[in-house]
Amino acid sequence: MRYVAPILIGLLYVLLMSLVPDAHRRRLNAVIVAGAGAAYLSGGGLGGWEFAFTAVSSFVAYKGLDSWAWTGVGWLLHTAWDVVHHLKGHPIIPFAHDSSFGCALCDPVIAVWCLGGGRSPWPRIRRWTRTRTGTGGTDEFPRAGRSVLRTGGAILKE
């Protein structure tokens, strides 16, 4: 579970963030990666380096307001910072010793999604579930007020 849970959290983040409308999704992710860049600021144990990383992360997040690629880079930078904290600093959650390790597994999942353009996976999920259940088309749910009967693959309207 030490390895699986962080990856599932990253996938859950992607699924939930995909519910945000396209017009706002990229900018919201840039703001979130800026916050993640400051996560260790109050107690990461690396002194002045915490401020330097926060400055770099803020710059990258600012560039991410207009670019999915920069937001992905921000998540990858945070991944590297998580690894440094896991090995030499304090964990991101003080009472959870492996929290920085988990964050280092979760963040690349989000980074790959951002580097791919932050597209919503929901249309692909809907297509996949339709194919897996065998419905295969949009005729499964007729519009209100119309009756549709299926007979051997043909569609009859009343």
C-alpha atoms as a PDB file:
ATOM      1  CA  MET A   1       0.000   0.000   0.000  1.00  0.00           C
ATOM      2  CA  ARG A   2       3.010   2.269   0.525  1.00  0.00           C
ATOM      3  CA  TYR A   3       3.443   2.469  -3.261  1.00  0.00           C
ATOM      4  CA  VAL A   4      -0.095   2.025  -4.539  1.00  0.00           C
ATOM      5  CA  ALA A   5      -1.982   4.558  -2.389  1.00  0.00           C
ATOM      6  CA  PRO A   6       0.036   7.622  -3.526  1.00  0.00           C
ATOM      7  CA  ILE A   7      -0.428   6.673  -7.177  1.00  0.00           C
ATOM      8  CA  LEU A   8      -4.164   6.216  -6.616  1.00  0.00           C
ATOM      9  CA  ILE A   9      -4.274   9.622  -4.923  1.00  0.00           C
ATOM     10  CA  GLY A  10      -2.590  11.136  -7.999  1.00  0.00           C
ATOM     11  CA  LEU A  11      -5.146   9.484 -10.277  1.00  0.00           C
ATOM     12  CA  LEU A  12      -7.986  10.675  -8.047  1.00  0.00           C
ATOM     13  CA  TYR A  13      -6.578  14.204  -8.231  1.00  0.00           C
ATOM     14  CA  VAL A  14      -6.605  13.993 -12.040  1.00  0.00           C
ATOM     15  CA  LEU A  15     -10.168  12.671 -12.123  1.00  0.00           C
ATOM     16  CA  LEU A  16     -11.489  15.316  -9.747  1.00  0.00           C
ATOM     17  CA  MET A  17      -9.540  18.161 -11.342  1.00  0.00           C
ATOM     18  CA  SER A  18     -10.925  17.089 -14.718  1.00  0.00           C
ATOM     19  CA  LEU A  19     -14.375  18.068 -13.483  1.00  0.00           C
ATOM     20  CA  VAL A  20     -13.233  21.708 -13.445  1.00  0.00           C
ATOM     21  CA  PRO A  21     -14.187  23.395 -16.737  1.00  0.00           C
ATOM     22  CA  ASP A  22     -11.389  23.635 -19.319  1.00  0.00           C
ATOM     23  CA  ALA A  23     -11.374  27.434 -19.154  1.00  0.00           C
ATOM     24  CA  HIS A  24     -10.262  27.364 -15.500  1.00  0.00           C
ATOM     25  CA  ARG A  25      -8.436  24.042 -15.135  1.00  0.00           C
ATOM     26  CA  ARG A  26      -4.932  25.129 -16.220  1.00  0.00           C
ATOM     27  CA  ARG A  27      -4.863  28.266 -14.076  1.00  0.00           C
ATOM     28  CA  LEU A  28      -6.212  26.447 -11.014  1.00  0.00           C
ATOM     29  CA  ASN A  29      -3.511  23.786 -11.371  1.00  0.00           C
ATOM     30  CA  ALA A  30      -0.847  26.484 -11.586  1.00  0.00           C
ATOM     31  CA  VAL A  31      -2.107  27.998  -8.323  1.00  0.00           C
ATOM     32  CA  ILE A  32      -2.117  24.568  -6.659  1.00  0.00           C
ATOM     33  CA  VAL A  33       1.437  23.786  -7.747  1.00  0.00           C
ATOM     34  CA  ALA A  34       2.496  27.172  -6.336  1.00  0.00           C
ATOM     35  CA  GLY A  35       0.990  26.162  -2.998  1.00  0.00           C
ATOM     36  CA  ALA A  36       2.716  22.798  -3.169  1.00  0.00           C
ATOM     37  CA  GLY A  37       6.000  24.640  -3.705  1.00  0.00           C
ATOM     38  CA  ALA A  38       5.582  26.356  -0.354  1.00  0.00           C
ATOM     39  CA  ALA A  39       4.442  23.245   1.531  1.00  0.00           C
ATOM     40  CA  TYR A  40       7.767  22.721   3.317  1.00  0.00           C
ATOM     41  CA  LEU A  41       8.380  26.392   4.054  1.00  0.00           C
ATOM     42  CA  SER A  42       7.471  26.336   7.733  1.00  0.00           C
ATOM     43  CA  GLY A  43       9.333  23.232   8.796  1.00  0.00           C
ATOM     44  CA  GLY A  44      11.051  21.297   6.062  1.00  0.00           C
ATOM     45  CA  GLY A  45      14.372  21.345   7.858  1.00  0.00           C
ATOM     46  CA  LEU A  46      16.498  22.663   4.999  1.00  0.00           C
ATOM     47  CA  GLY A  47      16.823  26.273   6.160  1.00  0.00           C
ATOM     48  CA  GLY A  48      17.299  28.919   3.489  1.00  0.00           C
ATOM     49  CA  TRP A  49      16.976  26.358   0.733  1.00  0.00           C
ATOM     50  CA  GLU A  50      13.255  26.235   1.522  1.00  0.00           C
ATOM     51  CA  PHE A  51      12.960  29.910   0.527  1.00  0.00           C
ATOM     52  CA  ALA A  52      15.024  29.389  -2.629  1.00  0.00           C
ATOM     53  CA  PHE A  53      12.833  26.484  -3.712  1.00  0.00           C
ATOM     54  CA  THR A  54       9.664  28.464  -2.983  1.00  0.00           C
ATOM     55  CA  ALA A  55      10.954  31.308  -5.188  1.00  0.00           C
ATOM     56  CA  VAL A  56      11.753  28.934  -8.058  1.00  0.00           C
ATOM     57  CA  SER A  57       8.428  27.149  -7.634  1.00  0.00           C
ATOM     58  CA  SER A  58       6.548  30.475  -7.649  1.00  0.00           C
ATOM     59  CA  PHE A  59       8.222  31.485 -10.900  1.00  0.00           C
ATOM     60  CA  VAL A  60       7.402  28.148 -12.523  1.00  0.00           C
ATOM     61  CA  ALA A  61       3.809  28.347 -11.282  1.00  0.00           C
ATOM     62  CA  TYR A  62       3.487  31.873 -12.689  1.00  0.00           C
ATOM     63  CA  LYS A  63       4.616  30.569 -16.088  1.00  0.00           C
ATOM     64  CA  GLY A  64       2.129  27.724 -15.614  1.00  0.00           C
ATOM     65  CA  LEU A  65      -0.781  30.161 -15.605  1.00  0.00           C
ATOM     66  CA  ASP A  66      -0.469  30.128 -19.406  1.00  0.00           C
ATOM     67  CA  SER A  67       1.206  26.764 -20.024  1.00  0.00           C
ATOM     68  CA  TRP A  68       0.400  23.194 -19.057  1.00  0.00           C
ATOM     69  CA  ALA A  69       4.052  22.293 -19.668  1.00  0.00           C
ATOM     70  CA  TRP A  70       5.272  24.723 -16.992  1.00  0.00           C
ATOM     71  CA  THR A  71       2.719  23.359 -14.528  1.00  0.00           C
ATOM     72  CA  GLY A  72       3.997  19.845 -15.255  1.00  0.00           C
ATOM     73  CA  VAL A  73       7.551  21.052 -14.662  1.00  0.00           C
ATOM     74  CA  GLY A  74       6.379  22.511 -11.358  1.00  0.00           C
ATOM     75  CA  TRP A  75       5.038  19.122 -10.261  1.00  0.00           C
ATOM     76  CA  LEU A  76       8.304  17.450 -11.291  1.00  0.00           C
ATOM     77  CA  LEU A  77      10.294  20.015  -9.307  1.00  0.00           C
ATOM     78  CA  HIS A  78       8.097  19.318  -6.306  1.00  0.00           C
ATOM     79  CA  THR A  79       8.738  15.602  -6.806  1.00  0.00           C
ATOM     80  CA  ALA A  80      12.491  16.222  -6.611  1.00  0.00           C
ATOM     81  CA  TRP A  81      12.012  18.373  -3.500  1.00  0.00           C
ATOM     82  CA  ASP A  82       9.956  15.574  -1.925  1.00  0.00           C
ATOM     83  CA  VAL A  83      12.809  13.132  -2.518  1.00  0.00           C
ATOM     84  CA  VAL A  84      15.301  15.547  -0.933  1.00  0.00           C
ATOM     85  CA  HIS A  85      13.051  15.893   2.103  1.00  0.00           C
ATOM     86  CA  HIS A  86      12.517  12.156   2.366  1.00  0.00           C
ATOM     87  CA  LEU A  87      16.283  11.582   2.387  1.00  0.00           C
ATOM     88  CA  LYS A  88      17.624  14.641   4.251  1.00  0.00           C
ATOM     89  CA  GLY A  89      14.832  16.845   5.579  1.00  0.00           C
ATOM     90  CA  HIS A  90      11.570  16.579   7.471  1.00  0.00           C
ATOM     91  CA  PRO A  91       8.432  14.928   6.055  1.00  0.00           C
ATOM     92  CA  ILE A  92       5.704  17.083   4.509  1.00  0.00           C
ATOM     93  CA  ILE A  93       3.268  15.822   7.182  1.00  0.00           C
ATOM     94  CA  PRO A  94       5.175  15.909  10.492  1.00  0.00           C
ATOM     95  CA  PHE A  95       3.450  12.883  12.051  1.00  0.00           C
ATOM     96  CA  ALA A  96       3.652  10.697   8.897  1.00  0.00           C
ATOM     97  CA  HIS A  97       7.261   9.631   8.379  1.00  0.00           C
ATOM     98  CA  ASP A  98       6.832   8.459   4.750  1.00  0.00           C
ATOM     99  CA  SER A  99       4.599  11.340   3.627  1.00  0.00           C
ATOM    100  CA  SER A 100       7.311  12.952   1.490  1.00  0.00           C
ATOM    101  CA  PHE A 101       7.996   9.574  -0.103  1.00  0.00           C
ATOM    102  CA  GLY A 102       4.291   9.207  -0.914  1.00  0.00           C
ATOM    103  CA  CYS A 103       4.157  12.725  -2.299  1.00  0.00           C
ATOM    104  CA  ALA A 104       7.148  11.882  -4.507  1.00  0.00           C
ATOM    105  CA  LEU A 105       5.091   9.032  -6.008  1.00  0.00           C
ATOM    106  CA  CYS A 106       1.875  11.024  -6.343  1.00  0.00           C
ATOM    107  CA  ASP A 107       3.288  14.174  -7.957  1.00  0.00           C
ATOM    108  CA  PRO A 108       4.695  12.556 -11.139  1.00  0.00           C
ATOM    109  CA  VAL A 109       1.235  11.153 -11.907  1.00  0.00           C
ATOM    110  CA  ILE A 110      -0.114  14.705 -11.854  1.00  0.00           C
ATOM    111  CA  ALA A 111       2.925  15.968 -13.790  1.00  0.00           C
ATOM    112  CA  VAL A 112       2.397  13.472 -16.622  1.00  0.00           C
ATOM    113  CA  TRP A 113      -1.244  14.563 -16.890  1.00  0.00           C
ATOM    114  CA  CYS A 114      -0.206  18.230 -16.996  1.00  0.00           C
ATOM    115  CA  LEU A 115       2.547  17.594 -19.544  1.00  0.00           C
ATOM    116  CA  GLY A 116      -0.099  15.842 -21.656  1.00  0.00           C
ATOM    117  CA  GLY A 117      -2.179  19.011 -21.745  1.00  0.00           C
ATOM    118  CA  GLY A 118      -4.428  18.424 -18.726  1.00  0.00           C
ATOM    119  CA  ARG A 119      -7.168  16.885 -20.825  1.00  0.00           C
ATOM    120  CA  SER A 120     -10.184  15.378 -19.173  1.00  0.00           C
ATOM    121  CA  PRO A 121     -10.141  11.569 -19.163  1.00  0.00           C
ATOM    122  CA  TRP A 122     -13.941  11.426 -18.717  1.00  0.00           C
ATOM    123  CA  PRO A 123     -14.838  11.126 -22.440  1.00  0.00           C
ATOM    124  CA  ARG A 124     -12.396   8.220 -22.803  1.00  0.00           C
ATOM    125  CA  ILE A 125     -13.726   6.588 -19.634  1.00  0.00           C
ATOM    126  CA  ARG A 126     -17.305   6.864 -20.925  1.00  0.00           C
ATOM    127  CA  ARG A 127     -16.289   5.379 -24.288  1.00  0.00           C
ATOM    128  CA  TRP A 128     -14.400   2.561 -22.572  1.00  0.00           C
ATOM    129  CA  THR A 129     -17.302   1.684 -20.276  1.00  0.00           C
ATOM    130  CA  ARG A 130     -19.739   1.695 -23.198  1.00  0.00           C
ATOM    131  CA  THR A 131     -17.488  -0.658 -25.131  1.00  0.00           C
ATOM    132  CA  ARG A 132     -16.953  -2.938 -22.121  1.00  0.00           C
ATOM    133  CA  THR A 133     -20.676  -3.202 -21.364  1.00  0.00           C
ATOM    134  CA  GLY A 134     -21.505  -3.901 -24.971  1.00  0.00           C
ATOM    135  CA  THR A 135     -23.859  -0.999 -25.602  1.00  0.00           C
ATOM    136  CA  GLY A 136     -21.532   0.498 -28.174  1.00  0.00           C
ATOM    137  CA  GLY A 137     -23.635   3.490 -29.164  1.00  0.00           C
ATOM    138  CA  THR A 138     -25.642   6.480 -28.147  1.00  0.00           C
ATOM    139  CA  ASP A 139     -29.024   4.844 -28.826  1.00  0.00           C
ATOM    140  CA  GLU A 140     -29.053   3.368 -25.350  1.00  0.00           C
ATOM    141  CA  PHE A 141     -30.819   6.392 -23.846  1.00  0.00           C
ATOM    142  CA  PRO A 142     -33.539   7.718 -26.178  1.00  0.00           C
ATOM    143  CA  ARG A 143     -34.693  11.311 -25.909  1.00  0.00           C
ATOM    144  CA  ALA A 144     -37.751  11.968 -23.788  1.00  0.00           C
ATOM    145  CA  GLY A 145     -41.052  11.455 -25.571  1.00  0.00           C
ATOM    146  CA  ARG A 146     -39.687   8.852 -28.012  1.00  0.00           C
ATOM    147  CA  SER A 147     -39.951   5.128 -27.703  1.00  0.00           C
ATOM    148  CA  VAL A 148     -37.196   3.020 -29.191  1.00  0.00           C
ATOM    149  CA  LEU A 149     -37.369  -0.735 -29.647  1.00  0.00           C
ATOM    150  CA  ARG A 150     -34.413  -2.863 -30.613  1.00  0.00           C
ATOM    151  CA  THR A 151     -35.000  -5.857 -32.846  1.00  0.00           C
ATOM    152  CA  GLY A 152     -31.964  -7.797 -33.924  1.00  0.00           C
ATOM    153  CA  GLY A 153     -29.757  -4.739 -34.235  1.00  0.00           C
ATOM    154  CA  ALA A 154     -32.328  -2.617 -36.084  1.00  0.00           C
ATOM    155  CA  ILE A 155     -33.886   0.344 -34.337  1.00  0.00           C
ATOM    156  CA  LEU A 156     -37.605   0.919 -34.671  1.00  0.00           C
ATOM    157  CA  LYS A 157     -39.297   4.163 -33.684  1.00  0.00           C
ATOM    158  CA  GLU A 158     -42.942   4.310 -32.704  1.00  0.00           C
END
